[in-house]
């Protein structure tokens, strides 16, 4: 930032060794009764000094710390492995309960309290279970939390209503479910919530299969459950000499086999 003749300008000199940078205090701004008598003031754009290195920051959303093979995980990430092998790896982190305070901290270089995220975190603290649970299972305190969200965070409450309306579709008889699903698709299409707009496109694409599942009472829940258990068994089978032991573990755990054991 260029030095100003005004002694009240802040900061007069940018110390690039200090991070985050001092906040701009708008020394030339003047707020009067009308906009005509007011004076605007904006911070000057910051530019990197000559010869400064280029830094690329990559953010991976909803990825666990131990997922990547660069940190001992099972998800192959060759580029991350190559970068980690030629650089530094940091493994001590502070975890926040919400994504938005972390994103605000990364964008501004300040802790969430200085980035305007404290109020949001306090408003949503403890609201997770009120949003997840079925309405008939809510406690009095959770009902009060939900009512507060409806008053203070209209997009979030609209998303909650969309979630509950879609859940209701799968509880209705087939004839009623057809009309309810069509009504939900029309609502989600114009809800202005990006995730639900994308979801309704997916539902429209697979609408025939969804209605068939409702009509015949079928779902892939059992298959997903078995798949999850097999993945756990696979982790237990690391180090086995051949896959036959893994197959035997899966058959014993999930196949309903009960062989006679010696001496029992």
C-alpha atoms as a PDB file:
ATOM      1  CA  UNK A   1       0.000   0.000   0.000  1.00  0.00           C
ATOM      2  CA  UNK A   2       1.398   3.391  -0.939  1.00  0.00           C
ATOM      3  CA  UNK A   3       2.166   5.818   1.837  1.00  0.00           C
ATOM      4  CA  UNK A   4      -0.418   8.550   2.258  1.00  0.00           C
ATOM      5  CA  UNK A   5       0.181  12.155   3.266  1.00  0.00           C
ATOM      6  CA  UNK A   6      -2.581  11.774   5.835  1.00  0.00           C
ATOM      7  CA  UNK A   7      -0.986  10.782   9.165  1.00  0.00           C
ATOM      8  CA  UNK A   8      -4.119   8.850  10.139  1.00  0.00           C
ATOM      9  CA  UNK A   9      -3.800   6.460   7.172  1.00  0.00           C
ATOM     10  CA  UNK A  10      -3.485   2.855   8.340  1.00  0.00           C
ATOM     11  CA  UNK A  11      -1.335   0.947   7.839  1.00  0.00           C
ATOM     12  CA  UNK A  12       1.241   3.415   6.542  1.00  0.00           C
ATOM     13  CA  UNK A  13       3.607   0.565   5.643  1.00  0.00           C
ATOM     14  CA  UNK A  14       2.751  -3.044   4.908  1.00  0.00           C
ATOM     15  CA  UNK A  15       4.958  -5.498   6.728  1.00  0.00           C
ATOM     16  CA  UNK A  16       4.900  -8.581   4.505  1.00  0.00           C
ATOM     17  CA  UNK A  17       6.447 -10.686   7.275  1.00  0.00           C
ATOM     18  CA  UNK A  18       3.303 -10.258   9.395  1.00  0.00           C
ATOM     19  CA  UNK A  19       0.272 -12.415   8.655  1.00  0.00           C
ATOM     20  CA  UNK A  20      -2.557 -11.678   8.638  1.00  0.00           C
ATOM     21  CA  UNK A  21      -2.068  -8.139   7.471  1.00  0.00           C
ATOM     22  CA  UNK A  22      -3.472  -5.332   9.635  1.00  0.00           C
ATOM     23  CA  UNK A  23      -7.073  -4.476   8.895  1.00  0.00           C
ATOM     24  CA  UNK A  24      -7.735  -1.349   6.907  1.00  0.00           C
ATOM     25  CA  UNK A  25      -9.493   1.200   9.118  1.00  0.00           C
ATOM     26  CA  UNK A  26     -10.956   3.450   6.375  1.00  0.00           C
ATOM     27  CA  UNK A  27      -9.298   6.669   7.577  1.00  0.00           C
ATOM     28  CA  UNK A  28     -10.754   8.824   4.795  1.00  0.00           C
ATOM     29  CA  UNK A  29     -14.352   7.629   5.108  1.00  0.00           C
ATOM     30  CA  UNK A  30     -16.992  10.069   6.279  1.00  0.00           C
ATOM     31  CA  UNK A  31     -20.530   8.965   7.179  1.00  0.00           C
ATOM     32  CA  UNK A  32     -23.063  11.789   7.189  1.00  0.00           C
ATOM     33  CA  UNK A  33     -26.847  12.043   7.295  1.00  0.00           C
ATOM     34  CA  UNK A  34     -27.167  11.766   3.494  1.00  0.00           C
ATOM     35  CA  UNK A  35     -25.038   9.981   0.914  1.00  0.00           C
ATOM     36  CA  UNK A  36     -24.304  13.296  -0.798  1.00  0.00           C
ATOM     37  CA  UNK A  37     -22.430  14.513   2.269  1.00  0.00           C
ATOM     38  CA  UNK A  38     -20.701  11.163   2.842  1.00  0.00           C
ATOM     39  CA  UNK A  39     -17.262  10.242   1.547  1.00  0.00           C
ATOM     40  CA  UNK A  40     -16.365   6.710   0.474  1.00  0.00           C
ATOM     41  CA  UNK A  41     -13.020   5.130   1.218  1.00  0.00           C
ATOM     42  CA  UNK A  42     -11.701   1.825  -0.097  1.00  0.00           C
ATOM     43  CA  UNK A  43      -8.444  -0.013   0.639  1.00  0.00           C
ATOM     44  CA  UNK A  44      -5.937   0.082  -2.162  1.00  0.00           C
ATOM     45  CA  UNK A  45      -5.429  -3.243  -3.968  1.00  0.00           C
ATOM     46  CA  UNK A  46      -2.524  -5.278  -2.720  1.00  0.00           C
ATOM     47  CA  UNK A  47       0.053  -6.441  -5.214  1.00  0.00           C
ATOM     48  CA  UNK A  48       2.741  -9.003  -4.739  1.00  0.00           C
ATOM     49  CA  UNK A  49       6.289  -7.593  -4.793  1.00  0.00           C
ATOM     50  CA  UNK A  50       8.491  -8.266  -7.796  1.00  0.00           C
ATOM     51  CA  UNK A  51       9.973 -11.734  -7.730  1.00  0.00           C
ATOM     52  CA  UNK A  52       7.366 -13.139  -5.321  1.00  0.00           C
ATOM     53  CA  UNK A  53       6.714 -16.891  -5.767  1.00  0.00           C
ATOM     54  CA  UNK A  54       3.461 -18.218  -7.179  1.00  0.00           C
ATOM     55  CA  UNK A  55       1.460 -20.203  -4.618  1.00  0.00           C
ATOM     56  CA  UNK A  56      -1.404 -22.514  -5.581  1.00  0.00           C
ATOM     57  CA  UNK A  57      -3.787 -23.432  -2.750  1.00  0.00           C
ATOM     58  CA  UNK A  58      -5.888 -26.560  -3.365  1.00  0.00           C
ATOM     59  CA  UNK A  59      -8.923 -27.148  -1.132  1.00  0.00           C
ATOM     60  CA  UNK A  60     -10.533 -30.592  -0.948  1.00  0.00           C
ATOM     61  CA  UNK A  61     -14.007 -30.456   0.585  1.00  0.00           C
ATOM     62  CA  UNK A  62     -15.401 -33.343   2.631  1.00  0.00           C
ATOM     63  CA  UNK A  63     -12.178 -35.377   2.480  1.00  0.00           C
ATOM     64  CA  UNK A  64     -10.812 -36.963   5.624  1.00  0.00           C
ATOM     65  CA  UNK A  65      -7.248 -36.293   6.709  1.00  0.00           C
ATOM     66  CA  UNK A  66      -6.217 -39.939   6.341  1.00  0.00           C
ATOM     67  CA  UNK A  67      -7.896 -40.679   3.007  1.00  0.00           C
ATOM     68  CA  UNK A  68      -4.968 -39.830   0.737  1.00  0.00           C
ATOM     69  CA  UNK A  69      -2.124 -42.300   0.191  1.00  0.00           C
ATOM     70  CA  UNK A  70       0.190 -39.345   0.883  1.00  0.00           C
ATOM     71  CA  UNK A  71      -0.844 -39.686   4.531  1.00  0.00           C
ATOM     72  CA  UNK A  72      -1.205 -43.457   4.650  1.00  0.00           C
ATOM     73  CA  UNK A  73      -4.756 -43.707   3.360  1.00  0.00           C
ATOM     74  CA  UNK A  74      -6.308 -45.988   0.735  1.00  0.00           C
ATOM     75  CA  UNK A  75      -7.289 -43.395  -1.909  1.00  0.00           C
ATOM     76  CA  UNK A  76      -4.578 -43.256  -4.569  1.00  0.00           C
ATOM     77  CA  UNK A  77      -3.441 -39.660  -5.124  1.00  0.00           C
ATOM     78  CA  UNK A  78      -0.154 -39.847  -7.090  1.00  0.00           C
ATOM     79  CA  UNK A  79       0.161 -36.090  -7.507  1.00  0.00           C
ATOM     80  CA  UNK A  80      -0.347 -35.521  -3.769  1.00  0.00           C
ATOM     81  CA  UNK A  81       2.245 -38.229  -3.057  1.00  0.00           C
ATOM     82  CA  UNK A  82       4.728 -36.554  -5.391  1.00  0.00           C
ATOM     83  CA  UNK A  83       4.163 -33.124  -3.829  1.00  0.00           C
ATOM     84  CA  UNK A  84       4.427 -34.533  -0.313  1.00  0.00           C
ATOM     85  CA  UNK A  85       7.618 -36.396  -1.179  1.00  0.00           C
ATOM     86  CA  UNK A  86       9.300 -33.199  -2.374  1.00  0.00           C
ATOM     87  CA  UNK A  87       7.966 -30.874   0.313  1.00  0.00           C
ATOM     88  CA  UNK A  88       6.713 -30.676   3.885  1.00  0.00           C
ATOM     89  CA  UNK A  89       3.754 -32.464   5.437  1.00  0.00           C
ATOM     90  CA  UNK A  90       1.878 -30.933   8.366  1.00  0.00           C
ATOM     91  CA  UNK A  91      -0.247 -33.211  10.504  1.00  0.00           C
ATOM     92  CA  UNK A  92      -1.385 -31.089  13.461  1.00  0.00           C
ATOM     93  CA  UNK A  93      -4.688 -29.395  12.760  1.00  0.00           C
ATOM     94  CA  UNK A  94      -7.521 -27.656  14.593  1.00  0.00           C
ATOM     95  CA  UNK A  95     -10.906 -28.931  13.424  1.00  0.00           C
ATOM     96  CA  UNK A  96     -13.997 -26.727  13.345  1.00  0.00           C
ATOM     97  CA  UNK A  97     -17.549 -28.004  13.416  1.00  0.00           C
ATOM     98  CA  UNK A  98     -18.653 -26.067  10.314  1.00  0.00           C
ATOM     99  CA  UNK A  99     -17.171 -25.620   6.866  1.00  0.00           C
ATOM    100  CA  UNK A 100     -17.952 -21.915   6.472  1.00  0.00           C
ATOM    101  CA  UNK A 101     -15.750 -20.651   9.372  1.00  0.00           C
ATOM    102  CA  UNK A 102     -12.802 -22.646   8.011  1.00  0.00           C
ATOM    103  CA  UNK A 103     -13.329 -21.292   4.504  1.00  0.00           C
ATOM    104  CA  UNK A 104     -13.628 -17.734   5.823  1.00  0.00           C
ATOM    105  CA  UNK A 105     -10.413 -18.169   7.809  1.00  0.00           C
ATOM    106  CA  UNK A 106      -8.532 -19.412   4.744  1.00  0.00           C
ATOM    107  CA  UNK A 107      -9.846 -16.620   2.528  1.00  0.00           C
ATOM    108  CA  UNK A 108      -9.128 -13.808   4.990  1.00  0.00           C
ATOM    109  CA  UNK A 109      -6.146 -15.169   6.898  1.00  0.00           C
ATOM    110  CA  UNK A 110      -7.943 -14.511  10.183  1.00  0.00           C
ATOM    111  CA  UNK A 111      -9.575 -16.716  12.776  1.00  0.00           C
ATOM    112  CA  UNK A 112     -13.309 -17.105  12.363  1.00  0.00           C
ATOM    113  CA  UNK A 113     -14.061 -14.622  15.156  1.00  0.00           C
ATOM    114  CA  UNK A 114     -12.371 -11.896  13.104  1.00  0.00           C
ATOM    115  CA  UNK A 115     -13.918 -13.085   9.846  1.00  0.00           C
ATOM    116  CA  UNK A 116     -17.525 -12.538  10.933  1.00  0.00           C
ATOM    117  CA  UNK A 117     -18.366 -16.205  11.449  1.00  0.00           C
ATOM    118  CA  UNK A 118     -18.895 -16.378  15.213  1.00  0.00           C
ATOM    119  CA  UNK A 119     -22.583 -15.425  15.088  1.00  0.00           C
ATOM    120  CA  UNK A 120     -23.340 -18.059  12.465  1.00  0.00           C
ATOM    121  CA  UNK A 121     -21.567 -20.767  14.440  1.00  0.00           C
ATOM    122  CA  UNK A 122     -23.445 -19.884  17.633  1.00  0.00           C
ATOM    123  CA  UNK A 123     -26.787 -19.782  15.833  1.00  0.00           C
ATOM    124  CA  UNK A 124     -26.286 -23.256  14.383  1.00  0.00           C
ATOM    125  CA  UNK A 125     -24.656 -24.812  17.449  1.00  0.00           C
ATOM    126  CA  UNK A 126     -26.668 -27.821  18.501  1.00  0.00           C
ATOM    127  CA  UNK A 127     -28.995 -27.547  15.491  1.00  0.00           C
ATOM    128  CA  UNK A 128     -27.611 -30.586  13.673  1.00  0.00           C
ATOM    129  CA  UNK A 129     -29.781 -33.150  15.440  1.00  0.00           C
ATOM    130  CA  UNK A 130     -32.860 -30.939  15.138  1.00  0.00           C
ATOM    131  CA  UNK A 131     -32.327 -30.908  11.362  1.00  0.00           C
ATOM    132  CA  UNK A 132     -31.522 -34.603  11.080  1.00  0.00           C
ATOM    133  CA  UNK A 133     -34.177 -36.168  13.286  1.00  0.00           C
ATOM    134  CA  UNK A 134     -37.698 -36.918  12.182  1.00  0.00           C
ATOM    135  CA  UNK A 135     -40.154 -34.178  13.246  1.00  0.00           C
ATOM    136  CA  UNK A 136     -42.146 -36.596  15.396  1.00  0.00           C
ATOM    137  CA  UNK A 137     -39.001 -37.481  17.376  1.00  0.00           C
ATOM    138  CA  UNK A 138     -37.891 -33.929  18.194  1.00  0.00           C
ATOM    139  CA  UNK A 139     -37.570 -32.879  21.814  1.00  0.00           C
ATOM    140  CA  UNK A 140     -39.029 -29.583  22.999  1.00  0.00           C
ATOM    141  CA  UNK A 141     -35.603 -27.943  22.903  1.00  0.00           C
ATOM    142  CA  UNK A 142     -34.964 -29.188  19.372  1.00  0.00           C
ATOM    143  CA  UNK A 143     -38.362 -27.906  18.249  1.00  0.00           C
ATOM    144  CA  UNK A 144     -37.409 -24.495  19.636  1.00  0.00           C
ATOM    145  CA  UNK A 145     -34.090 -24.663  17.765  1.00  0.00           C
ATOM    146  CA  UNK A 146     -35.914 -25.497  14.554  1.00  0.00           C
ATOM    147  CA  UNK A 147     -38.292 -22.582  15.082  1.00  0.00           C
ATOM    148  CA  UNK A 148     -35.309 -20.270  15.558  1.00  0.00           C
ATOM    149  CA  UNK A 149     -33.765 -21.511  12.307  1.00  0.00           C
ATOM    150  CA  UNK A 150     -37.054 -20.842  10.501  1.00  0.00           C
ATOM    151  CA  UNK A 151     -36.919 -17.260  11.782  1.00  0.00           C
ATOM    152  CA  UNK A 152     -33.209 -16.507  11.270  1.00  0.00           C
ATOM    153  CA  UNK A 153     -32.038 -18.717   8.386  1.00  0.00           C
ATOM    154  CA  UNK A 154     -34.728 -19.051   5.748  1.00  0.00           C
ATOM    155  CA  UNK A 155     -32.623 -20.953   3.127  1.00  0.00           C
ATOM    156  CA  UNK A 156     -31.589 -23.568   5.692  1.00  0.00           C
ATOM    157  CA  UNK A 157     -35.171 -24.025   6.867  1.00  0.00           C
ATOM    158  CA  UNK A 158     -36.339 -24.317   3.268  1.00  0.00           C
ATOM    159  CA  UNK A 159     -33.753 -27.057   2.732  1.00  0.00           C
ATOM    160  CA  UNK A 160     -35.071 -28.819   5.844  1.00  0.00           C
ATOM    161  CA  UNK A 161     -38.629 -28.731   4.492  1.00  0.00           C
ATOM    162  CA  UNK A 162     -37.452 -30.093   1.153  1.00  0.00           C
ATOM    163  CA  UNK A 163     -35.670 -32.938   2.925  1.00  0.00           C
ATOM    164  CA  UNK A 164     -38.752 -33.820   4.940  1.00  0.00           C
ATOM    165  CA  UNK A 165     -41.057 -33.622   1.899  1.00  0.00           C
ATOM    166  CA  UNK A 166     -38.813 -36.028  -0.020  1.00  0.00           C
ATOM    167  CA  UNK A 167     -38.692 -38.409   2.952  1.00  0.00           C
ATOM    168  CA  UNK A 168     -42.485 -38.405   3.054  1.00  0.00           C
ATOM    169  CA  UNK A 169     -42.682 -39.523  -0.583  1.00  0.00           C
ATOM    170  CA  UNK A 170     -41.193 -42.921   0.316  1.00  0.00           C
ATOM    171  CA  UNK A 171     -43.750 -43.446   3.097  1.00  0.00           C
ATOM    172  CA  UNK A 172     -46.860 -42.909   0.966  1.00  0.00           C
ATOM    173  CA  UNK A 173     -48.824 -45.506  -1.020  1.00  0.00           C
ATOM    174  CA  UNK A 174     -47.758 -45.758  -4.633  1.00  0.00           C
ATOM    175  CA  UNK A 175     -50.596 -43.678  -6.161  1.00  0.00           C
ATOM    176  CA  UNK A 176     -50.081 -40.852  -3.666  1.00  0.00           C
ATOM    177  CA  UNK A 177     -46.294 -41.092  -3.954  1.00  0.00           C
ATOM    178  CA  UNK A 178     -46.454 -40.449  -7.716  1.00  0.00           C
ATOM    179  CA  UNK A 179     -48.238 -37.114  -7.200  1.00  0.00           C
ATOM    180  CA  UNK A 180     -46.097 -36.201  -4.173  1.00  0.00           C
ATOM    181  CA  UNK A 181     -42.853 -36.858  -6.043  1.00  0.00           C
ATOM    182  CA  UNK A 182     -43.988 -34.755  -8.983  1.00  0.00           C
ATOM    183  CA  UNK A 183     -44.903 -31.904  -6.631  1.00  0.00           C
ATOM    184  CA  UNK A 184     -41.513 -32.197  -4.898  1.00  0.00           C
ATOM    185  CA  UNK A 185     -39.673 -32.053  -8.228  1.00  0.00           C
ATOM    186  CA  UNK A 186     -41.517 -28.845  -9.180  1.00  0.00           C
ATOM    187  CA  UNK A 187     -40.721 -27.314  -5.796  1.00  0.00           C
ATOM    188  CA  UNK A 188     -37.040 -28.305  -5.828  1.00  0.00           C
ATOM    189  CA  UNK A 189     -36.622 -27.042  -9.398  1.00  0.00           C
ATOM    190  CA  UNK A 190     -37.419 -23.471  -8.286  1.00  0.00           C
ATOM    191  CA  UNK A 191     -36.108 -23.557  -4.692  1.00  0.00           C
ATOM    192  CA  UNK A 192     -32.912 -21.597  -5.519  1.00  0.00           C
ATOM    193  CA  UNK A 193     -30.797 -24.038  -3.498  1.00  0.00           C
ATOM    194  CA  UNK A 194     -28.133 -25.387  -5.827  1.00  0.00           C
ATOM    195  CA  UNK A 195     -27.788 -28.823  -4.207  1.00  0.00           C
ATOM    196  CA  UNK A 196     -31.522 -29.496  -4.327  1.00  0.00           C
ATOM    197  CA  UNK A 197     -31.811 -28.217  -7.895  1.00  0.00           C
ATOM    198  CA  UNK A 198     -29.105 -30.692  -8.854  1.00  0.00           C
ATOM    199  CA  UNK A 199     -30.811 -33.428  -6.827  1.00  0.00           C
ATOM    200  CA  UNK A 200     -34.134 -32.959  -8.622  1.00  0.00           C
ATOM    201  CA  UNK A 201     -32.359 -33.356 -11.964  1.00  0.00           C
ATOM    202  CA  UNK A 202     -30.956 -36.674 -10.769  1.00  0.00           C
ATOM    203  CA  UNK A 203     -34.363 -37.765  -9.470  1.00  0.00           C
ATOM    204  CA  UNK A 204     -36.017 -36.868 -12.788  1.00  0.00           C
ATOM    205  CA  UNK A 205     -33.383 -38.936 -14.574  1.00  0.00           C
ATOM    206  CA  UNK A 206     -34.098 -41.984 -12.387  1.00  0.00           C
ATOM    207  CA  UNK A 207     -37.776 -41.307 -11.716  1.00  0.00           C
ATOM    208  CA  UNK A 208     -38.988 -44.586 -13.225  1.00  0.00           C
ATOM    209  CA  UNK A 209     -36.643 -46.651 -11.062  1.00  0.00           C
ATOM    210  CA  UNK A 210     -37.550 -44.661  -7.940  1.00  0.00           C
ATOM    211  CA  UNK A 211     -41.267 -45.190  -8.459  1.00  0.00           C
ATOM    212  CA  UNK A 212     -40.667 -48.895  -9.127  1.00  0.00           C
ATOM    213  CA  UNK A 213     -38.802 -49.155  -5.826  1.00  0.00           C
ATOM    214  CA  UNK A 214     -41.731 -47.488  -4.030  1.00  0.00           C
ATOM    215  CA  UNK A 215     -44.297 -49.706  -5.750  1.00  0.00           C
ATOM    216  CA  UNK A 216     -42.529 -52.992  -5.020  1.00  0.00           C
ATOM    217  CA  UNK A 217     -40.894 -52.039  -1.702  1.00  0.00           C
ATOM    218  CA  UNK A 218     -37.374 -52.723  -2.961  1.00  0.00           C
ATOM    219  CA  UNK A 219     -34.193 -50.792  -2.235  1.00  0.00           C
ATOM    220  CA  UNK A 220     -30.445 -51.182  -2.425  1.00  0.00           C
ATOM    221  CA  UNK A 221     -30.099 -50.652   1.326  1.00  0.00           C
ATOM    222  CA  UNK A 222     -29.315 -54.341   1.978  1.00  0.00           C
ATOM    223  CA  UNK A 223     -26.672 -54.387  -0.755  1.00  0.00           C
ATOM    224  CA  UNK A 224     -25.063 -51.224   0.602  1.00  0.00           C
ATOM    225  CA  UNK A 225     -25.039 -52.715   4.101  1.00  0.00           C
ATOM    226  CA  UNK A 226     -23.300 -55.883   2.889  1.00  0.00           C
ATOM    227  CA  UNK A 227     -20.832 -53.789   0.865  1.00  0.00           C
ATOM    228  CA  UNK A 228     -19.929 -51.731   3.938  1.00  0.00           C
ATOM    229  CA  UNK A 229     -19.301 -54.876   5.997  1.00  0.00           C
ATOM    230  CA  UNK A 230     -17.159 -56.377   3.239  1.00  0.00           C
ATOM    231  CA  UNK A 231     -15.023 -53.246   3.171  1.00  0.00           C
ATOM    232  CA  UNK A 232     -14.446 -53.605   6.919  1.00  0.00           C
ATOM    233  CA  UNK A 233     -13.503 -57.272   6.461  1.00  0.00           C
ATOM    234  CA  UNK A 234     -11.101 -56.234   3.684  1.00  0.00           C
ATOM    235  CA  UNK A 235      -9.276 -53.944   6.113  1.00  0.00           C
ATOM    236  CA  UNK A 236      -8.977 -56.861   8.544  1.00  0.00           C
ATOM    237  CA  UNK A 237      -7.559 -59.048   5.768  1.00  0.00           C
ATOM    238  CA  UNK A 238      -4.536 -56.862   5.049  1.00  0.00           C
ATOM    239  CA  UNK A 239      -1.397 -58.991   5.130  1.00  0.00           C
ATOM    240  CA  UNK A 240      -3.080 -62.282   4.258  1.00  0.00           C
ATOM    241  CA  UNK A 241      -1.088 -64.401   1.800  1.00  0.00           C
ATOM    242  CA  UNK A 242      -3.973 -64.953  -0.624  1.00  0.00           C
ATOM    243  CA  UNK A 243      -7.594 -63.837  -1.136  1.00  0.00           C
ATOM    244  CA  UNK A 244      -9.093 -67.146  -0.013  1.00  0.00           C
ATOM    245  CA  UNK A 245      -8.923 -66.117   3.647  1.00  0.00           C
ATOM    246  CA  UNK A 246     -10.788 -62.876   2.812  1.00  0.00           C
ATOM    247  CA  UNK A 247     -13.492 -64.845   0.943  1.00  0.00           C
ATOM    248  CA  UNK A 248     -13.818 -67.242   3.876  1.00  0.00           C
ATOM    249  CA  UNK A 249     -14.197 -64.348   6.347  1.00  0.00           C
ATOM    250  CA  UNK A 250     -16.915 -62.788   4.174  1.00  0.00           C
ATOM    251  CA  UNK A 251     -18.804 -66.083   3.830  1.00  0.00           C
ATOM    252  CA  UNK A 252     -18.619 -66.811   7.562  1.00  0.00           C
ATOM    253  CA  UNK A 253     -19.726 -63.290   8.530  1.00  0.00           C
ATOM    254  CA  UNK A 254     -22.366 -62.629   5.885  1.00  0.00           C
ATOM    255  CA  UNK A 255     -23.215 -65.922   4.193  1.00  0.00           C
ATOM    256  CA  UNK A 256     -25.131 -67.501   7.040  1.00  0.00           C
ATOM    257  CA  UNK A 257     -22.680 -70.422   7.259  1.00  0.00           C
ATOM    258  CA  UNK A 258     -22.282 -72.186  10.583  1.00  0.00           C
ATOM    259  CA  UNK A 259     -19.697 -74.967  10.168  1.00  0.00           C
ATOM    260  CA  UNK A 260     -19.047 -77.543  12.849  1.00  0.00           C
ATOM    261  CA  UNK A 261     -15.840 -76.660  14.662  1.00  0.00           C
ATOM    262  CA  UNK A 262     -13.549 -79.362  16.130  1.00  0.00           C
ATOM    263  CA  UNK A 263     -14.096 -79.954  19.830  1.00  0.00           C
ATOM    264  CA  UNK A 264     -17.295 -77.867  20.026  1.00  0.00           C
END
